[in-house]
Amino acid sequence: MSAGPGLAAVLKLCDQAAHFAQAYAHPTAYRTSNMLDRRMDHLDRRFYSAHYFHGHLMTAELAVRAEALLVNFLPYCPRAAIAKQYRAPAHKLNGFVYHDNWLHNLLISASMGGCPQ
């Protein structure tokens, strides 16, 4: 068998098998999931388009907070199975919605500081 870049990459990966096996010694530990990857990919695209926080630290913090708010209040895809039971992640967390419109829910929740009165 001739050595090449593909074989070298496979052998390098095999040399790391002991490190990968350590993760499987903890069966209850969280693993990277497709759901997490989707969220992180979206966040990475947002940060890339913002040139990775050029400017003040407070501007970066506000951008991350705005992204978190949007992710929690934007409605689920209508074809998703969870959309039959909940409208958005905030609905799933709270168990109720204030209004039929997702933007109204966001504004009402934000105006109350997250605490029902």
PDB file of N, CA and C in Angstrom:
ATOM      1  N   MET A   1       0.854  -1.165   0.000  1.00  0.00           N
ATOM      2  CA  MET A   1       0.000   0.000   0.000  1.00  0.00           C
ATOM      3  C   MET A   1       0.904   1.233   0.000  1.00  0.00           C
ATOM      4  N   SER A   2       0.620   2.167  -0.896  1.00  0.00           N
ATOM      5  CA  SER A   2       1.449   3.368  -0.971  1.00  0.00           C
ATOM      6  C   SER A   2       0.972   4.391   0.051  1.00  0.00           C
ATOM      7  N   ALA A   3       1.936   5.038   0.664  1.00  0.00           N
ATOM      8  CA  ALA A   3       1.613   6.072   1.649  1.00  0.00           C
ATOM      9  C   ALA A   3       1.201   7.342   0.915  1.00  0.00           C
ATOM     10  N   GLY A   4       0.214   8.020   1.449  1.00  0.00           N
ATOM     11  CA  GLY A   4      -0.257   9.263   0.859  1.00  0.00           C
ATOM     12  C   GLY A   4      -0.882  10.122   1.941  1.00  0.00           C
ATOM     13  N   PRO A   5      -1.377  11.280   1.549  1.00  0.00           N
ATOM     14  CA  PRO A   5      -1.959  12.170   2.559  1.00  0.00           C
ATOM     15  C   PRO A   5      -3.199  11.583   3.232  1.00  0.00           C
ATOM     16  N   GLY A   6      -3.986  10.791   2.521  1.00  0.00           N
ATOM     17  CA  GLY A   6      -5.171  10.181   3.119  1.00  0.00           C
ATOM     18  C   GLY A   6      -4.799   9.164   4.189  1.00  0.00           C
ATOM     19  N   LEU A   7      -3.842   8.302   3.870  1.00  0.00           N
ATOM     20  CA  LEU A   7      -3.395   7.300   4.828  1.00  0.00           C
ATOM     21  C   LEU A   7      -2.760   7.964   6.040  1.00  0.00           C
ATOM     22  N   ALA A   8      -1.989   8.996   5.822  1.00  0.00           N
ATOM     23  CA  ALA A   8      -1.356   9.716   6.932  1.00  0.00           C
ATOM     24  C   ALA A   8      -2.408  10.335   7.856  1.00  0.00           C
ATOM     25  N   ALA A   9      -3.475  10.863   7.282  1.00  0.00           N
ATOM     26  CA  ALA A   9      -4.539  11.465   8.094  1.00  0.00           C
ATOM     27  C   ALA A   9      -5.259  10.403   8.917  1.00  0.00           C
ATOM     28  N   VAL A  10      -5.515   9.238   8.321  1.00  0.00           N
ATOM     29  CA  VAL A  10      -6.184   8.159   9.043  1.00  0.00           C
ATOM     30  C   VAL A  10      -5.304   7.645  10.170  1.00  0.00           C
ATOM     31  N   LEU A  11      -4.043   7.455   9.912  1.00  0.00           N
ATOM     32  CA  LEU A  11      -3.124   6.974  10.953  1.00  0.00           C
ATOM     33  C   LEU A  11      -2.989   7.992  12.086  1.00  0.00           C
ATOM     34  N   LYS A  12      -2.970   9.271  11.740  1.00  0.00           N
ATOM     35  CA  LYS A  12      -2.899  10.321  12.761  1.00  0.00           C
ATOM     36  C   LYS A  12      -4.151  10.284  13.646  1.00  0.00           C
ATOM     37  N   LEU A  13      -5.316  10.053  13.033  1.00  0.00           N
ATOM     38  CA  LEU A  13      -6.559   9.951  13.782  1.00  0.00           C
ATOM     39  C   LEU A  13      -6.546   8.718  14.686  1.00  0.00           C
ATOM     40  N   CYS A  14      -6.047   7.606  14.187  1.00  0.00           N
ATOM     41  CA  CYS A  14      -5.973   6.377  14.980  1.00  0.00           C
ATOM     42  C   CYS A  14      -5.052   6.546  16.191  1.00  0.00           C
ATOM     43  N   ASP A  15      -4.012   7.353  16.041  1.00  0.00           N
ATOM     44  CA  ASP A  15      -3.102   7.606  17.161  1.00  0.00           C
ATOM     45  C   ASP A  15      -3.800   8.348  18.293  1.00  0.00           C
ATOM     46  N   GLN A  16      -4.873   9.037  17.993  1.00  0.00           N
ATOM     47  CA  GLN A  16      -5.612   9.817  18.993  1.00  0.00           C
ATOM     48  C   GLN A  16      -6.770   9.036  19.611  1.00  0.00           C
ATOM     49  N   ALA A  17      -6.888   7.757  19.317  1.00  0.00           N
ATOM     50  CA  ALA A  17      -8.025   6.955  19.781  1.00  0.00           C
ATOM     51  C   ALA A  17      -8.167   6.974  21.298  1.00  0.00           C
ATOM     52  N   ALA A  18      -7.076   6.975  22.024  1.00  0.00           N
ATOM     53  CA  ALA A  18      -7.149   6.981  23.492  1.00  0.00           C
ATOM     54  C   ALA A  18      -7.815   8.257  24.006  1.00  0.00           C
ATOM     55  N   HIS A  19      -7.563   9.372  23.352  1.00  0.00           N
ATOM     56  CA  HIS A  19      -8.180  10.637  23.763  1.00  0.00           C
ATOM     57  C   HIS A  19      -9.687  10.628  23.485  1.00  0.00           C
ATOM     58  N   PHE A  20     -10.091  10.060  22.365  1.00  0.00           N
ATOM     59  CA  PHE A  20     -11.511   9.983  22.045  1.00  0.00           C
ATOM     60  C   PHE A  20     -12.226   9.029  22.999  1.00  0.00           C
ATOM     61  N   ALA A  21     -11.560   7.958  23.399  1.00  0.00           N
ATOM     62  CA  ALA A  21     -12.172   6.969  24.282  1.00  0.00           C
ATOM     63  C   ALA A  21     -12.475   7.546  25.658  1.00  0.00           C
ATOM     64  N   GLN A  22     -11.724   8.557  26.098  1.00  0.00           N
ATOM     65  CA  GLN A  22     -11.976   9.169  27.408  1.00  0.00           C
ATOM     66  C   GLN A  22     -13.390   9.749  27.477  1.00  0.00           C
ATOM     67  N   ALA A  23     -13.864  10.313  26.408  1.00  0.00           N
ATOM     68  CA  ALA A  23     -15.206  10.907  26.398  1.00  0.00           C
ATOM     69  C   ALA A  23     -16.270   9.836  26.596  1.00  0.00           C
ATOM     70  N   TYR A  24     -16.049   8.647  26.082  1.00  0.00           N
ATOM     71  CA  TYR A  24     -17.044   7.590  26.198  1.00  0.00           C
ATOM     72  C   TYR A  24     -17.008   6.910  27.562  1.00  0.00           C
ATOM     73  N   ALA A  25     -16.030   7.243  28.403  1.00  0.00           N
ATOM     74  CA  ALA A  25     -15.986   6.722  29.766  1.00  0.00           C
ATOM     75  C   ALA A  25     -17.027   7.413  30.638  1.00  0.00           C
ATOM     76  N   HIS A  26     -17.628   8.483  30.133  1.00  0.00           N
ATOM     77  CA  HIS A  26     -18.645   9.245  30.858  1.00  0.00           C
ATOM     78  C   HIS A  26     -19.936   9.221  30.037  1.00  0.00           C
ATOM     79  N   PRO A  27     -20.734   8.156  30.149  1.00  0.00           N
ATOM     80  CA  PRO A  27     -21.902   8.001  29.277  1.00  0.00           C
ATOM     81  C   PRO A  27     -22.992   9.046  29.498  1.00  0.00           C
ATOM     82  N   THR A  28     -23.038   9.695  30.668  1.00  0.00           N
ATOM     83  CA  THR A  28     -24.089  10.690  30.916  1.00  0.00           C
ATOM     84  C   THR A  28     -23.661  12.096  30.517  1.00  0.00           C
ATOM     85  N   ALA A  29     -22.430  12.247  30.074  1.00  0.00           N
ATOM     86  CA  ALA A  29     -21.937  13.573  29.686  1.00  0.00           C
ATOM     87  C   ALA A  29     -22.628  14.028  28.402  1.00  0.00           C
ATOM     88  N   TYR A  30     -22.791  15.335  28.282  1.00  0.00           N
ATOM     89  CA  TYR A  30     -23.411  15.886  27.086  1.00  0.00           C
ATOM     90  C   TYR A  30     -22.484  15.739  25.891  1.00  0.00           C
ATOM     91  N   ARG A  31     -23.072  15.484  24.751  1.00  0.00           N
ATOM     92  CA  ARG A  31     -22.332  15.380  23.503  1.00  0.00           C
ATOM     93  C   ARG A  31     -22.747  16.535  22.606  1.00  0.00           C
ATOM     94  N   THR A  32     -21.918  16.867  21.654  1.00  0.00           N
ATOM     95  CA  THR A  32     -22.305  17.868  20.674  1.00  0.00           C
ATOM     96  C   THR A  32     -23.440  17.301  19.854  1.00  0.00           C
ATOM     97  N   SER A  33     -24.468  18.092  19.671  1.00  0.00           N
ATOM     98  CA  SER A  33     -25.621  17.607  18.930  1.00  0.00           C
ATOM     99  C   SER A  33     -25.847  18.459  17.696  1.00  0.00           C
ATOM    100  N   ASN A  34     -26.654  17.943  16.820  1.00  0.00           N
ATOM    101  CA  ASN A  34     -27.006  18.659  15.615  1.00  0.00           C
ATOM    102  C   ASN A  34     -27.729  19.957  15.971  1.00  0.00           C
ATOM    103  N   MET A  35     -28.565  19.918  17.009  1.00  0.00           N
ATOM    104  CA  MET A  35     -29.317  21.096  17.421  1.00  0.00           C
ATOM    105  C   MET A  35     -28.361  22.203  17.887  1.00  0.00           C
ATOM    106  N   LEU A  36     -27.372  21.827  18.670  1.00  0.00           N
ATOM    107  CA  LEU A  36     -26.395  22.801  19.138  1.00  0.00           C
ATOM    108  C   LEU A  36     -25.559  23.343  17.982  1.00  0.00           C
ATOM    109  N   ASP A  37     -25.172  22.462  17.080  1.00  0.00           N
ATOM    110  CA  ASP A  37     -24.390  22.895  15.917  1.00  0.00           C
ATOM    111  C   ASP A  37     -25.158  23.903  15.070  1.00  0.00           C
ATOM    112  N   ARG A  38     -26.462  23.696  14.918  1.00  0.00           N
ATOM    113  CA  ARG A  38     -27.267  24.635  14.133  1.00  0.00           C
ATOM    114  C   ARG A  38     -27.290  26.013  14.780  1.00  0.00           C
ATOM    115  N   ARG A  39     -27.457  26.048  16.097  1.00  0.00           N
ATOM    116  CA  ARG A  39     -27.467  27.330  16.811  1.00  0.00           C
ATOM    117  C   ARG A  39     -26.114  28.025  16.699  1.00  0.00           C
ATOM    118  N   MET A  40     -25.051  27.262  16.878  1.00  0.00           N
ATOM    119  CA  MET A  40     -23.714  27.853  16.842  1.00  0.00           C
ATOM    120  C   MET A  40     -23.351  28.314  15.435  1.00  0.00           C
ATOM    121  N   ASP A  41     -23.774  27.584  14.406  1.00  0.00           N
ATOM    122  CA  ASP A  41     -23.520  28.008  13.034  1.00  0.00           C
ATOM    123  C   ASP A  41     -24.214  29.330  12.744  1.00  0.00           C
ATOM    124  N   HIS A  42     -25.457  29.450  13.200  1.00  0.00           N
ATOM    125  CA  HIS A  42     -26.201  30.695  13.001  1.00  0.00           C
ATOM    126  C   HIS A  42     -25.513  31.848  13.727  1.00  0.00           C
ATOM    127  N   LEU A  43     -25.097  31.607  14.965  1.00  0.00           N
ATOM    128  CA  LEU A  43     -24.421  32.642  15.741  1.00  0.00           C
ATOM    129  C   LEU A  43     -23.096  33.030  15.091  1.00  0.00           C
ATOM    130  N   ASP A  44     -22.375  32.047  14.584  1.00  0.00           N
ATOM    131  CA  ASP A  44     -21.101  32.329  13.925  1.00  0.00           C
ATOM    132  C   ASP A  44     -21.307  33.176  12.670  1.00  0.00           C
ATOM    133  N   ARG A  45     -22.355  32.892  11.900  1.00  0.00           N
ATOM    134  CA  ARG A  45     -22.639  33.713  10.715  1.00  0.00           C
ATOM    135  C   ARG A  45     -22.970  35.144  11.112  1.00  0.00           C
ATOM    136  N   ARG A  46     -23.728  35.309  12.205  1.00  0.00           N
ATOM    137  CA  ARG A  46     -24.056  36.659  12.681  1.00  0.00           C
ATOM    138  C   ARG A  46     -22.805  37.408  13.105  1.00  0.00           C
ATOM    139  N   PHE A  47     -21.916  36.721  13.824  1.00  0.00           N
ATOM    140  CA  PHE A  47     -20.684  37.367  14.274  1.00  0.00           C
ATOM    141  C   PHE A  47     -19.773  37.689  13.101  1.00  0.00           C
ATOM    142  N   TYR A  48     -19.725  36.808  12.129  1.00  0.00           N
ATOM    143  CA  TYR A  48     -18.901  37.069  10.947  1.00  0.00           C
ATOM    144  C   TYR A  48     -19.399  38.306  10.212  1.00  0.00           C
ATOM    145  N   SER A  49     -20.722  38.414  10.042  1.00  0.00           N
ATOM    146  CA  SER A  49     -21.254  39.581   9.332  1.00  0.00           C
ATOM    147  C   SER A  49     -21.073  40.867  10.128  1.00  0.00           C
ATOM    148  N   ALA A  50     -20.884  40.765  11.441  1.00  0.00           N
ATOM    149  CA  ALA A  50     -20.614  41.937  12.283  1.00  0.00           C
ATOM    150  C   ALA A  50     -19.110  42.156  12.445  1.00  0.00           C
ATOM    151  N   HIS A  51     -18.310  41.436  11.684  1.00  0.00           N
ATOM    152  CA  HIS A  51     -16.845  41.535  11.731  1.00  0.00           C
ATOM    153  C   HIS A  51     -16.308  41.242  13.128  1.00  0.00           C
ATOM    154  N   TYR A  52     -16.909  40.258  13.769  1.00  0.00           N
ATOM    155  CA  TYR A  52     -16.448  39.765  15.062  1.00  0.00           C
ATOM    156  C   TYR A  52     -16.217  40.875  16.076  1.00  0.00           C
ATOM    157  N   PHE A  53     -17.224  41.682  16.287  1.00  0.00           N
ATOM    158  CA  PHE A  53     -17.264  42.661  17.369  1.00  0.00           C
ATOM    159  C   PHE A  53     -16.210  43.749  17.275  1.00  0.00           C
ATOM    160  N   HIS A  54     -16.057  44.330  16.129  1.00  0.00           N
ATOM    161  CA  HIS A  54     -15.210  45.512  16.056  1.00  0.00           C
ATOM    162  C   HIS A  54     -15.942  46.612  16.801  1.00  0.00           C
ATOM    163  N   GLY A  55     -15.285  47.241  17.705  1.00  0.00           N
ATOM    164  CA  GLY A  55     -15.916  48.311  18.468  1.00  0.00           C
ATOM    165  C   GLY A  55     -15.797  48.063  19.948  1.00  0.00           C
ATOM    166  N   HIS A  56     -16.791  48.494  20.673  1.00  0.00           N
ATOM    167  CA  HIS A  56     -16.762  48.426  22.130  1.00  0.00           C
ATOM    168  C   HIS A  56     -17.276  47.084  22.639  1.00  0.00           C
ATOM    169  N   LEU A  57     -16.825  46.721  23.817  1.00  0.00           N
ATOM    170  CA  LEU A  57     -17.247  45.474  24.438  1.00  0.00           C
ATOM    171  C   LEU A  57     -18.752  45.484  24.715  1.00  0.00           C
ATOM    172  N   MET A  58     -19.278  46.641  25.100  1.00  0.00           N
ATOM    173  CA  MET A  58     -20.705  46.739  25.388  1.00  0.00           C
ATOM    174  C   MET A  58     -21.538  46.497  24.128  1.00  0.00           C
ATOM    175  N   THR A  59     -21.055  46.948  22.984  1.00  0.00           N
ATOM    176  CA  THR A  59     -21.749  46.708  21.722  1.00  0.00           C
ATOM    177  C   THR A  59     -21.823  45.210  21.439  1.00  0.00           C
ATOM    178  N   ALA A  60     -20.722  44.502  21.698  1.00  0.00           N
ATOM    179  CA  ALA A  60     -20.698  43.053  21.497  1.00  0.00           C
ATOM    180  C   ALA A  60     -21.678  42.364  22.443  1.00  0.00           C
ATOM    181  N   GLU A  61     -21.723  42.803  23.692  1.00  0.00           N
ATOM    182  CA  GLU A  61     -22.632  42.195  24.652  1.00  0.00           C
ATOM    183  C   GLU A  61     -24.088  42.419  24.250  1.00  0.00           C
ATOM    184  N   LEU A  62     -24.397  43.607  23.792  1.00  0.00           N
ATOM    185  CA  LEU A  62     -25.769  43.894  23.359  1.00  0.00           C
ATOM    186  C   LEU A  62     -26.150  43.063  22.137  1.00  0.00           C
ATOM    187  N   ALA A  63     -25.203  42.835  21.243  1.00  0.00           N
ATOM    188  CA  ALA A  63     -25.473  42.017  20.055  1.00  0.00           C
ATOM    189  C   ALA A  63     -25.776  40.571  20.453  1.00  0.00           C
ATOM    190  N   VAL A  64     -25.036  40.048  21.398  1.00  0.00           N
ATOM    191  CA  VAL A  64     -25.269  38.668  21.847  1.00  0.00           C
ATOM    192  C   VAL A  64     -26.611  38.567  22.560  1.00  0.00           C
ATOM    193  N   ARG A  65     -26.952  39.562  23.374  1.00  0.00           N
ATOM    194  CA  ARG A  65     -28.235  39.552  24.071  1.00  0.00           C
ATOM    195  C   ARG A  65     -29.396  39.639  23.082  1.00  0.00           C
ATOM    196  N   ALA A  66     -29.241  40.475  22.055  1.00  0.00           N
ATOM    197  CA  ALA A  66     -30.289  40.598  21.041  1.00  0.00           C
ATOM    198  C   ALA A  66     -30.477  39.277  20.308  1.00  0.00           C
ATOM    199  N   GLU A  67     -29.398  38.609  20.005  1.00  0.00           N
ATOM    200  CA  GLU A  67     -29.479  37.310  19.336  1.00  0.00           C
ATOM    201  C   GLU A  67     -30.193  36.293  20.215  1.00  0.00           C
ATOM    202  N   ALA A  68     -29.889  36.287  21.506  1.00  0.00           N
ATOM    203  CA  ALA A  68     -30.531  35.356  22.429  1.00  0.00           C
ATOM    204  C   ALA A  68     -32.038  35.625  22.512  1.00  0.00           C
ATOM    205  N   LEU A  69     -32.417  36.893  22.551  1.00  0.00           N
ATOM    206  CA  LEU A  69     -33.840  37.224  22.583  1.00  0.00           C
ATOM    207  C   LEU A  69     -34.551  36.737  21.325  1.00  0.00           C
ATOM    208  N   LEU A  70     -33.942  36.987  20.179  1.00  0.00           N
ATOM    209  CA  LEU A  70     -34.560  36.561  18.931  1.00  0.00           C
ATOM    210  C   LEU A  70     -34.702  35.044  18.865  1.00  0.00           C
ATOM    211  N   VAL A  71     -33.677  34.340  19.259  1.00  0.00           N
ATOM    212  CA  VAL A  71     -33.717  32.877  19.206  1.00  0.00           C
ATOM    213  C   VAL A  71     -34.823  32.337  20.105  1.00  0.00           C
ATOM    214  N   ASN A  72     -35.050  32.979  21.245  1.00  0.00           N
ATOM    215  CA  ASN A  72     -36.074  32.498  22.177  1.00  0.00           C
ATOM    216  C   ASN A  72     -37.495  32.834  21.750  1.00  0.00           C
ATOM    217  N   PHE A  73     -37.678  33.902  20.972  1.00  0.00           N
ATOM    218  CA  PHE A  73     -39.035  34.327  20.640  1.00  0.00           C
ATOM    219  C   PHE A  73     -39.448  34.085  19.197  1.00  0.00           C
ATOM    220  N   LEU A  74     -38.499  33.869  18.298  1.00  0.00           N
ATOM    221  CA  LEU A  74     -38.876  33.559  16.924  1.00  0.00           C
ATOM    222  C   LEU A  74     -39.635  32.242  16.893  1.00  0.00           C
ATOM    223  N   PRO A  75     -40.694  32.160  16.108  1.00  0.00           N
ATOM    224  CA  PRO A  75     -41.502  30.934  16.101  1.00  0.00           C
ATOM    225  C   PRO A  75     -40.761  29.748  15.505  1.00  0.00           C
ATOM    226  N   TYR A  76     -41.154  28.558  15.963  1.00  0.00           N
ATOM    227  CA  TYR A  76     -40.632  27.328  15.382  1.00  0.00           C
ATOM    228  C   TYR A  76     -41.110  27.217  13.945  1.00  0.00           C
ATOM    229  N   CYS A  77     -40.393  26.459  13.151  1.00  0.00           N
ATOM    230  CA  CYS A  77     -40.816  26.173  11.787  1.00  0.00           C
ATOM    231  C   CYS A  77     -42.154  25.430  11.847  1.00  0.00           C
ATOM    232  N   PRO A  78     -43.139  25.832  11.049  1.00  0.00           N
ATOM    233  CA  PRO A  78     -44.460  25.181  11.110  1.00  0.00           C
ATOM    234  C   PRO A  78     -44.407  23.675  10.819  1.00  0.00           C
ATOM    235  N   ARG A  79     -43.399  23.222  10.066  1.00  0.00           N
ATOM    236  CA  ARG A  79     -43.297  21.796   9.756  1.00  0.00           C
ATOM    237  C   ARG A  79     -42.659  20.990  10.877  1.00  0.00           C
ATOM    238  N   ALA A  80     -42.047  21.671  11.859  1.00  0.00           N
ATOM    239  CA  ALA A  80     -41.399  20.961  12.959  1.00  0.00           C
ATOM    240  C   ALA A  80     -42.448  20.317  13.854  1.00  0.00           C
ATOM    241  N   ALA A  81     -42.124  19.158  14.385  1.00  0.00           N
ATOM    242  CA  ALA A  81     -43.067  18.443  15.245  1.00  0.00           C
ATOM    243  C   ALA A  81     -43.397  19.250  16.499  1.00  0.00           C
ATOM    244  N   ILE A  82     -42.427  19.954  17.032  1.00  0.00           N
ATOM    245  CA  ILE A  82     -42.652  20.715  18.267  1.00  0.00           C
ATOM    246  C   ILE A  82     -43.595  21.893  18.053  1.00  0.00           C
ATOM    247  N   ALA A  83     -43.731  22.354  16.809  1.00  0.00           N
ATOM    248  CA  ALA A  83     -44.605  23.493  16.508  1.00  0.00           C
ATOM    249  C   ALA A  83     -46.077  23.157  16.712  1.00  0.00           C
ATOM    250  N   LYS A  84     -46.403  21.881  16.765  1.00  0.00           N
ATOM    251  CA  LYS A  84     -47.792  21.484  17.017  1.00  0.00           C
ATOM    252  C   LYS A  84     -48.184  21.732  18.472  1.00  0.00           C
ATOM    253  N   GLN A  85     -47.187  21.766  19.358  1.00  0.00           N
ATOM    254  CA  GLN A  85     -47.455  21.936  20.781  1.00  0.00           C
ATOM    255  C   GLN A  85     -47.047  23.330  21.288  1.00  0.00           C
ATOM    256  N   TYR A  86     -45.933  23.862  20.783  1.00  0.00           N
ATOM    257  CA  TYR A  86     -45.427  25.156  21.243  1.00  0.00           C
ATOM    258  C   TYR A  86     -45.166  26.059  20.058  1.00  0.00           C
ATOM    259  N   ARG A  87     -45.289  27.358  20.272  1.00  0.00           N
ATOM    260  CA  ARG A  87     -45.043  28.316  19.199  1.00  0.00           C
ATOM    261  C   ARG A  87     -43.574  28.693  19.079  1.00  0.00           C
ATOM    262  N   ALA A  88     -42.895  28.800  20.222  1.00  0.00           N
ATOM    263  CA  ALA A  88     -41.502  29.251  20.243  1.00  0.00           C
ATOM    264  C   ALA A  88     -40.840  28.704  21.501  1.00  0.00           C
ATOM    265  N   PRO A  89     -39.509  28.768  21.595  1.00  0.00           N
ATOM    266  CA  PRO A  89     -38.837  28.301  22.809  1.00  0.00           C
ATOM    267  C   PRO A  89     -39.323  29.008  24.077  1.00  0.00           C
ATOM    268  N   ALA A  90     -39.655  30.297  23.993  1.00  0.00           N
ATOM    269  CA  ALA A  90     -40.162  31.009  25.168  1.00  0.00           C
ATOM    270  C   ALA A  90     -41.518  30.444  25.596  1.00  0.00           C
ATOM    271  N   HIS A  91     -42.341  30.043  24.660  1.00  0.00           N
ATOM    272  CA  HIS A  91     -43.626  29.429  24.974  1.00  0.00           C
ATOM    273  C   HIS A  91     -43.406  28.096  25.685  1.00  0.00           C
ATOM    274  N   LYS A  92     -42.449  27.334  25.207  1.00  0.00           N
ATOM    275  CA  LYS A  92     -42.146  26.047  25.837  1.00  0.00           C
ATOM    276  C   LYS A  92     -41.637  26.261  27.258  1.00  0.00           C
ATOM    277  N   LEU A  93     -40.805  27.259  27.461  1.00  0.00           N
ATOM    278  CA  LEU A  93     -40.237  27.536  28.779  1.00  0.00           C
ATOM    279  C   LEU A  93     -41.299  28.060  29.746  1.00  0.00           C
ATOM    280  N   ASN A  94     -42.094  29.020  29.306  1.00  0.00           N
ATOM    281  CA  ASN A  94     -43.079  29.657  30.179  1.00  0.00           C
ATOM    282  C   ASN A  94     -44.387  28.887  30.282  1.00  0.00           C
ATOM    283  N   GLY A  95     -44.727  28.139  29.249  1.00  0.00           N
ATOM    284  CA  GLY A  95     -45.981  27.413  29.244  1.00  0.00           C
ATOM    285  C   GLY A  95     -47.160  28.231  28.743  1.00  0.00           C
ATOM    286  N   PHE A  96     -46.937  29.474  28.340  1.00  0.00           N
ATOM    287  CA  PHE A  96     -48.008  30.330  27.823  1.00  0.00           C
ATOM    288  C   PHE A  96     -47.409  31.398  26.922  1.00  0.00           C
ATOM    289  N   VAL A  97     -48.277  32.047  26.165  1.00  0.00           N
ATOM    290  CA  VAL A  97     -47.877  33.191  25.349  1.00  0.00           C
ATOM    291  C   VAL A  97     -48.799  34.358  25.685  1.00  0.00           C
ATOM    292  N   TYR A  98     -48.297  35.557  25.545  1.00  0.00           N
ATOM    293  CA  TYR A  98     -49.097  36.745  25.812  1.00  0.00           C
ATOM    294  C   TYR A  98     -49.963  37.138  24.621  1.00  0.00           C
ATOM    295  N   HIS A  99     -49.457  36.878  23.420  1.00  0.00           N
ATOM    296  CA  HIS A  99     -50.116  37.391  22.218  1.00  0.00           C
ATOM    297  C   HIS A  99     -49.866  36.417  21.075  1.00  0.00           C
ATOM    298  N   ASP A 100     -50.697  36.470  20.040  1.00  0.00           N
ATOM    299  CA  ASP A 100     -50.514  35.596  18.876  1.00  0.00           C
ATOM    300  C   ASP A 100     -49.276  35.968  18.066  1.00  0.00           C
ATOM    301  N   ASN A 101     -48.884  37.224  18.085  1.00  0.00           N
ATOM    302  CA  ASN A 101     -47.748  37.710  17.319  1.00  0.00           C
ATOM    303  C   ASN A 101     -46.460  37.523  18.132  1.00  0.00           C
ATOM    304  N   TRP A 102     -45.432  36.923  17.538  1.00  0.00           N
ATOM    305  CA  TRP A 102     -44.194  36.648  18.261  1.00  0.00           C
ATOM    306  C   TRP A 102     -43.498  37.930  18.699  1.00  0.00           C
ATOM    307  N   LEU A 103     -43.571  38.970  17.883  1.00  0.00           N
ATOM    308  CA  LEU A 103     -42.899  40.224  18.236  1.00  0.00           C
ATOM    309  C   LEU A 103     -43.592  40.891  19.425  1.00  0.00           C
ATOM    310  N   HIS A 104     -44.906  40.780  19.486  1.00  0.00           N
ATOM    311  CA  HIS A 104     -45.627  41.309  20.642  1.00  0.00           C
ATOM    312  C   HIS A 104     -45.221  40.551  21.910  1.00  0.00           C
ATOM    313  N   ASN A 105     -45.061  39.238  21.794  1.00  0.00           N
ATOM    314  CA  ASN A 105     -44.607  38.451  22.950  1.00  0.00           C
ATOM    315  C   ASN A 105     -43.240  38.905  23.425  1.00  0.00           C
ATOM    316  N   LEU A 106     -42.348  39.156  22.495  1.00  0.00           N
ATOM    317  CA  LEU A 106     -41.008  39.615  22.853  1.00  0.00           C
ATOM    318  C   LEU A 106     -41.074  40.964  23.553  1.00  0.00           C
ATOM    319  N   LEU A 107     -41.841  41.901  23.006  1.00  0.00           N
ATOM    320  CA  LEU A 107     -41.928  43.235  23.586  1.00  0.00           C
ATOM    321  C   LEU A 107     -42.589  43.210  24.965  1.00  0.00           C
ATOM    322  N   ILE A 108     -43.620  42.417  25.125  1.00  0.00           N
ATOM    323  CA  ILE A 108     -44.289  42.326  26.427  1.00  0.00           C
ATOM    324  C   ILE A 108     -43.354  41.708  27.458  1.00  0.00           C
ATOM    325  N   SER A 109     -42.695  40.628  27.091  1.00  0.00           N
ATOM    326  CA  SER A 109     -41.777  39.970  28.022  1.00  0.00           C
ATOM    327  C   SER A 109     -40.615  40.873  28.390  1.00  0.00           C
ATOM    328  N   ALA A 110     -40.072  41.574  27.407  1.00  0.00           N
ATOM    329  CA  ALA A 110     -38.935  42.454  27.668  1.00  0.00           C
ATOM    330  C   ALA A 110     -39.342  43.642  28.516  1.00  0.00           C
ATOM    331  N   SER A 111     -40.551  44.139  28.345  1.00  0.00           N
ATOM    332  CA  SER A 111     -40.985  45.310  29.107  1.00  0.00           C
ATOM    333  C   SER A 111     -41.210  44.971  30.578  1.00  0.00           C
ATOM    334  N   MET A 112     -41.472  43.711  30.872  1.00  0.00           N
ATOM    335  CA  MET A 112     -41.706  43.306  32.247  1.00  0.00           C
ATOM    336  C   MET A 112     -40.441  42.763  32.920  1.00  0.00           C
ATOM    337  N   GLY A 113     -39.326  42.862  32.239  1.00  0.00           N
ATOM    338  CA  GLY A 113     -38.081  42.372  32.814  1.00  0.00           C
ATOM    339  C   GLY A 113     -38.058  40.863  33.019  1.00  0.00           C
ATOM    340  N   GLY A 114     -38.913  40.139  32.316  1.00  0.00           N
ATOM    341  CA  GLY A 114     -38.933  38.688  32.421  1.00  0.00           C
ATOM    342  C   GLY A 114     -39.723  38.158  33.606  1.00  0.00           C
ATOM    343  N   CYS A 115     -40.341  39.038  34.393  1.00  0.00           N
ATOM    344  CA  CYS A 115     -41.091  38.613  35.585  1.00  0.00           C
ATOM    345  C   CYS A 115     -42.562  38.885  35.399  1.00  0.00           C
ATOM    346  N   PRO A 116     -43.416  37.859  35.447  1.00  0.00           N
ATOM    347  CA  PRO A 116     -44.850  38.106  35.367  1.00  0.00           C
ATOM    348  C   PRO A 116     -45.310  38.916  36.582  1.00  0.00           C
ATOM    349  N   GLN A 117     -46.286  39.786  36.351  1.00  0.00           N
ATOM    350  CA  GLN A 117     -46.755  40.630  37.460  1.00  0.00           C
ATOM    351  C   GLN A 117     -48.160  40.290  37.849  1.00  0.00           C
TER     352      GLN A 117
END
